Every structure is written in structure tokens, then in C-alpha cells.
């Protein structure tokens, strides 16, 4: 049998070990049992990252703990003079069980077939002392418990509190029902719709399973904020990865079972970033976020069509219209940010001709008529009036995003100039609605922000950020297309968007939001945390996109001599602080 070079214990880095591929770290200078190394193997180098050897550290500690369990063995030190009477040696069989599954050699094999014991240069007490802080006292199970305790609160405060108002009395342009609730929880909405359908049809066994998947999706979606809310809890990344992997395995079942709970489950998973530590190979070996969101939109279309043939009450029709508005908002966001065609409404002329957008435009026109008296300078918005203004501003923002997506599609696909100008005129009309109706009232609300509740302040921040992000995305597209004729028409709009974008980012950085672990009635029970609006933004990828656009704008102004070095440094450092507040993996979805 041909002699092969013996594989040294702990010669593979963590990434190669997890992917079970060969690692050439030793060829690049890493020594086996060396726990810290600043280099990278070929595989990690191609991915622009350093090698880590965390498995090695934990395994060394585990060896010593097992050695204490097998008390009849002796620990071999660097020399026999260091050997105490009660010190232990770990048996070769035990060390083999701790490996990654492949046979490991502890030393050189003698000619007589016997194996010499490996000589360690560190005593057991030194190993334990150096790695005591890394001993997994809180287990992964405790991390699961933490996720279960916090996930619903995080989901409610971060996603549901904002999105629920968009579906309620003041936020849905498809429904005019003044007695309805101001807030409608998305989870309740989609579950109630399925319950109505089940009354008309035989209940399906998969429905209960889909609701379980929805609960898992809420946990996976909320998991990224756990490091923000509980930063010192061990094993969080392992818990986050475990939940994400389990949920992605279930996505095929969700895709093949159209229901309203499936729609929300798919959307939440589509908004869940790939956890840190997941390799690119593993990421590509499964369903992507984009596919999940597109499938959710397809389910909405299929369900709307099938429900036409069921004898459903008016209450269902109202709820279905609110769910469809949710789909329209998701579809518009997806179309604008990913540069793809919308699924629920048409592209180029959708913002003017389709029923959905006619209703949105009509809603804004009626809101202008209703609030003419509010436009006076002496008007002071109460909390209820502020809720109406912010909800209307969200409708205007979505409508504006649709017109921007239409302009981007026209420029991207090279349509006739007349079609491009049709979309451009629709965008200018949306700008006029915002300037004449929404902006004055939002400015009034801004003056009283500190007298409003934290939910209203968070909603105000979110709507303003989304609106100006859309404007700057359009500016970037027009510049890329070389259409200076169009850009010259919105110079003032561009300048205002850049100023307001920085202001809203700074406001989000300085404002605090309090989340309570558990509440019972009016009595608060459990832990409270206070974080910035930036840290709990439900769409952190939008914050990243706005920071990138503002970085370009600041650089342009500095190069043109509009701002000094001192101002440039201040603005840049503020944007950096914004990024530091975001949860991990905010730029990857």
C-alpha cells in the first residue's frame, strides 16, 4: 500500500471543515493546533475572508473535559518531568471520536506498527484558562428559548406596527370603511382570510402545517434583530442559522400550497437575509428569496381569481382588498429595487390607467379635499390626525414609487419617447401631489413629533425615508441613462431629497424605540430594551441603499466644492454610524 502523507489534526479551517472539502491552510503557513492565524486558505482567499479555527478551540477544551471523565489516563506534557500524578492523558479512541469523522493521526507511526502519543506543549489548566470564556455554558437550546420569547415582540414592533397601519382604516385606498380599525395585524388578516375560505370548502390538513411554517417564518425574520436586542447571548448565530435552514427546507411545501398564510410566509422568508456562516454553495443549493416573493405575488393572483366563484360575505371582500393592497405594495417595491416588471399591475402606464392605481390617485385627491382646513399655519395635528396624515403619506409614497418604476422600465427597455414621456408626466403628477398635499402636513407633524407616540414617530421616519429613497433611485437611473434633459427638470427636487434623506437618517439614529419582552394588559412584565429607529427599521436593505446613494451625493458635492472637508467628514461619519446601527447581514437578502 502506497504511503500517503498523514493528515494533521485541526489542519482544516472552519469553512472548509463545514463544507467537507480539502483545505490548504497548512501549505500557506498555518500550523496544526494554531488557534489564531491571520492568513487564508485558497478557498477563503477567493471569498475575501480570513480562515477561522473555532472548532479547534472548542475541541481542545472538550478533549480536556473528556480526559477528566476518563480518569485512568495520563496527560502527556512536553516532557515527563511536567507530569503530575493525577494529570490525565486522553485515549486515542476518545480523540478520534471528537474529530470531524475522518481518521486523524496524533503522531508518527513507528515501524513496529505502534502509535506514539502526541506531545502537547500546553497543560490542561492552561488550555482551560485560555478558553474559559468560550465554554458554552448557555446552550443552543437556551438560544432557541430566547428566540421564541423575543421573536413575536420584535416582529410586532418592527414589522407589524408599521405594516398593520398600512392595511387599516386610513392606509388602504381600496376600502372605505370609517368604522374599521386603524390597525390591522398582518398575521390576523391573512389567517382570517384562510378561515373564511375554509368555511366554504373542506378544511385541508396542510392548513395547520402552513400556520406552523408561518410561526417559524416570523422567528427567522425576527432573528436578525436578536444581536441588537440581546448582544451578549452566546450561540445566537447558530440558532439563527438553524432556524433559517429548517425554514428553507419547508418552503417547497409552502409554495405548493396556495393560501393566504402561505403568502405571508413566503414574503417573510423573502425578506429574511442569509445568515452569516452559510457558504455560497449552501446558499445556491435551495430556494432563493426572490423566488419566494414572486411566488407569494402569484398566490395572491390565484387566490383572488378562485375566490370569485365562492359565496363569500362582504367582510371577506373587504379583507381580501386589504390583502391585495399589501401585495401591490410588495410588488411595487420589488419592481423598483430589483429592476424587474411588476406582477400584479402593468408597467409603463399602470400608474395612470389600472384600477388599483386609479383608486390610489383618487384616495389622495379626496384626502386633499378633506384636509384643506388642515393646510392652515395654525393647525396643530393631534395623534389621530397625525395617523391619518402619515398613512396618506405612505399611499402617496407607494404611488410615487410606482411612477418611478414605470420611468425606470421605460428607460431600461428603450420604448418610444411618447411612452417614456407618459410615464414621466405621471411621475411629475405624483410629485405635485406630494408637494401640495402631503409635504405641508408632514412638516406640521414633524414639529410635534416629540409629542407623539413612538409608533407614530417610527412610522413618520419610515415613510419619509422610503419616499426620498425612491427619488434618489430615479435620479441615479436618469444619470445612468444620460438623460440630462429629464434631470434638469428635477434639480430642486433632487437637492431637497438629498437634504431630507440625511435629516431623516440622523433622526432615525438619534430617536429611540422601546421594546418590552412581554406584556400582560396594562402591566409590563420582563425585560425592556431601547434601540434606535435605524436599528429596528423593518427594511434595513433600504437604509443601506439610501446610505450608498447619499455617500455618492456627498462625494459629488465635495468634489464640486459645495461643501468643505470638515462638513464632508461630519456627513460621512454620520452615515457610517447609521450602518453600524443596522443588524448583521442587512445588505444581503
Foldseek 3Di string as FASTA:
>chain_A
DDDDDADAALPAFPLCLVVVHDWCVVVVPDDHLPQDDQDDTPVVVVVVHHTGRVLSLVLLLVQQVVQVVVQVAWCAEQHPVPTDPRHHHGDPVVSQVSGSPDDHAQADADPVRDHDHHHDHDGNVVSCVVCVVVPCPPDVVVLVVVLVLFLVLLCCQQPQLQVQQCLWQQNFLVDHDVVTDNGDGLVVLQVVLQVQVCVQDPDDPCVVVLVVLLVLLSSLLSLLLCCVFPVPDPPSLVNNQVSLVVSQVCLVVLLVDQGSSSLNSLQSNLLGFNGPPQDPVNQVPGDHSVVSNVSSLVSLVVVVVVCVPTPGDVVSVSSNSSVVSVNLLSQLVCCLPVVDAGDPAGALCRCPPDPSNVSLVVSLVVLQVVCVVCLDPPHADDQVRLSSLLSNLLSLLSSLSRLLSNLLNCLVVVDDPVSNVSSVVSNVVSVVSCVPGRVSVLVSCVVCVVVYDPSSNLSSLLSLLSNLLSVLSSLVSCVVSVPVVSVVVCVVVNVVSLVSNLVSLVQQQPDKDKTASDDDPPDGDHDIDIAGSLASHSQVLSLVSSLVSSLVVLVVCVVVVVDDPVVSVVSNVSSVSSVVSYRPSSNGD
